[in-house]
């Protein structure tokens, strides 16, 4: 993603940060007009930064990472679970999906 950002004109930046959120969370750093890569080549792997050590486990096995808490599919899953556990809540959302919680996607 950072390489794509550089292609779209971010090369004039001496330093910057790029982040994207959709089905996953991604991002990276631009330093001296170039993508920054750490020694383990994982520099900018923002989605797997742990923000809640007691949080839920992601598909990679990390607990409480940004992607597990903020990406579209996981947010949809959380909404479904909350609505299943609390049938009296979410009337507007339930109406939008005509009661079919599986239609909640992210």
Protein backbone atom coordinates (compact mmCIF):
# COMPACT_ATOMS: atom_id res chain seq x y z
CA UNK A 1 0.00 0.00 0.00
CA UNK A 2 2.80 2.42 0.75
CA UNK A 3 4.28 1.72 -2.69
CA UNK A 4 0.91 2.54 -4.23
CA UNK A 5 0.73 5.75 -2.22
CA UNK A 6 4.18 6.69 -3.51
CA UNK A 7 2.97 6.07 -7.07
CA UNK A 8 0.13 8.53 -6.48
CA UNK A 9 2.39 11.43 -5.64
CA UNK A 10 3.42 10.97 -2.04
CA UNK A 11 7.06 10.92 -3.21
CA UNK A 12 7.30 14.60 -2.35
CA UNK A 13 6.90 13.69 1.30
CA UNK A 14 10.10 13.46 3.29
CA UNK A 15 8.20 11.50 5.91
CA UNK A 16 4.65 10.34 6.37
CA UNK A 17 2.31 7.62 7.42
CA UNK A 18 -0.26 5.80 5.30
CA UNK A 19 -3.09 3.61 6.60
CA UNK A 20 -5.94 1.75 4.96
CA UNK A 21 -8.89 0.00 6.54
CA UNK A 22 -11.33 -2.38 4.86
CA UNK A 23 -11.29 -6.18 4.99
CA UNK A 24 -8.00 -5.77 6.86
CA UNK A 25 -5.86 -2.99 8.27
CA UNK A 26 -2.67 -2.01 6.49
CA UNK A 27 -0.28 0.85 6.39
CA UNK A 28 3.27 1.95 6.38
CA UNK A 29 5.82 4.66 6.92
CA UNK A 30 7.49 6.84 4.31
CA UNK A 31 10.92 8.10 5.34
CA UNK A 32 13.15 10.15 3.04
CA UNK A 33 10.62 9.61 0.25
CA UNK A 34 10.99 5.81 0.47
CA UNK A 35 8.95 3.06 2.16
CA UNK A 36 10.47 2.14 5.51
CA UNK A 37 11.16 -1.54 6.09
CA UNK A 38 12.24 -2.89 9.43
CA UNK A 39 14.94 -5.52 9.91
CA UNK A 40 12.31 -8.27 9.84
CA UNK A 41 10.62 -6.66 6.77
CA UNK A 42 7.42 -6.19 8.79
CA UNK A 43 7.75 -2.43 9.26
CA UNK A 44 4.37 -0.84 8.72
CA UNK A 45 2.39 -3.98 9.49
CA UNK A 46 -0.09 -1.80 11.37
CA UNK A 47 -2.92 -4.31 11.39
CA UNK A 48 -1.02 -6.65 13.66
CA UNK A 49 -0.02 -4.06 16.23
CA UNK A 50 -1.42 -5.20 19.59
CA UNK A 51 -3.63 -2.58 21.21
CA UNK A 52 -5.56 -4.79 23.64
CA UNK A 53 -3.50 -7.68 25.08
CA UNK A 54 -6.70 -9.16 26.54
CA UNK A 55 -8.61 -8.76 23.25
CA UNK A 56 -9.85 -11.44 20.86
CA UNK A 57 -7.46 -13.56 18.79
CA UNK A 58 -7.04 -12.84 15.05
CA UNK A 59 -6.53 -15.38 12.27
CA UNK A 60 -2.75 -15.08 12.67
CA UNK A 61 -3.03 -16.00 16.34
CA UNK A 62 -2.23 -12.56 17.78
CA UNK A 63 -4.38 -11.37 20.61
CA UNK A 64 -5.92 -7.90 20.55
CA UNK A 65 -4.38 -6.59 17.33
CA UNK A 66 -5.82 -3.58 15.49
CA UNK A 67 -7.07 -5.71 12.60
CA UNK A 68 -9.03 -8.01 14.90
CA UNK A 69 -10.73 -5.03 16.52
CA UNK A 70 -11.24 -2.64 13.59
CA UNK A 71 -11.41 -4.41 10.22
CA UNK A 72 -14.73 -4.70 8.42
CA UNK A 73 -15.30 -8.47 8.69
CA UNK A 74 -14.46 -8.57 12.39
CA UNK A 75 -16.64 -5.52 13.12
CA UNK A 76 -19.52 -7.23 11.30
CA UNK A 77 -18.93 -10.41 13.29
CA UNK A 78 -18.92 -8.44 16.54
CA UNK A 79 -22.17 -6.69 15.58
CA UNK A 80 -23.79 -10.05 14.82
CA UNK A 81 -22.65 -11.51 18.14
CA UNK A 82 -23.87 -8.47 20.10
CA UNK A 83 -27.27 -8.56 18.42
CA UNK A 84 -27.62 -12.31 19.01
CA UNK A 85 -26.78 -11.86 22.69
CA UNK A 86 -29.07 -8.82 23.13
CA UNK A 87 -32.27 -9.37 21.12
CA UNK A 88 -33.80 -6.15 22.48
CA UNK A 89 -30.98 -4.01 21.02
CA UNK A 90 -30.27 -2.79 17.49
CA UNK A 91 -33.79 -2.38 16.16
CA UNK A 92 -32.67 -0.06 13.35
CA UNK A 93 -29.93 -2.42 12.18
CA UNK A 94 -32.26 -5.42 12.49
CA UNK A 95 -34.80 -3.56 10.33
CA UNK A 96 -32.16 -2.76 7.67
CA UNK A 97 -31.22 -6.45 7.31
CA UNK A 98 -34.84 -7.61 7.66
CA UNK A 99 -33.92 -9.64 10.73
CA UNK A 100 -31.24 -11.69 8.94
CA UNK A 101 -28.08 -10.98 10.96
CA UNK A 102 -25.97 -12.87 8.38
CA UNK A 103 -26.55 -9.93 6.04
CA UNK A 104 -24.39 -7.75 8.29
CA UNK A 105 -21.05 -7.70 6.48
CA UNK A 106 -17.94 -5.58 6.53
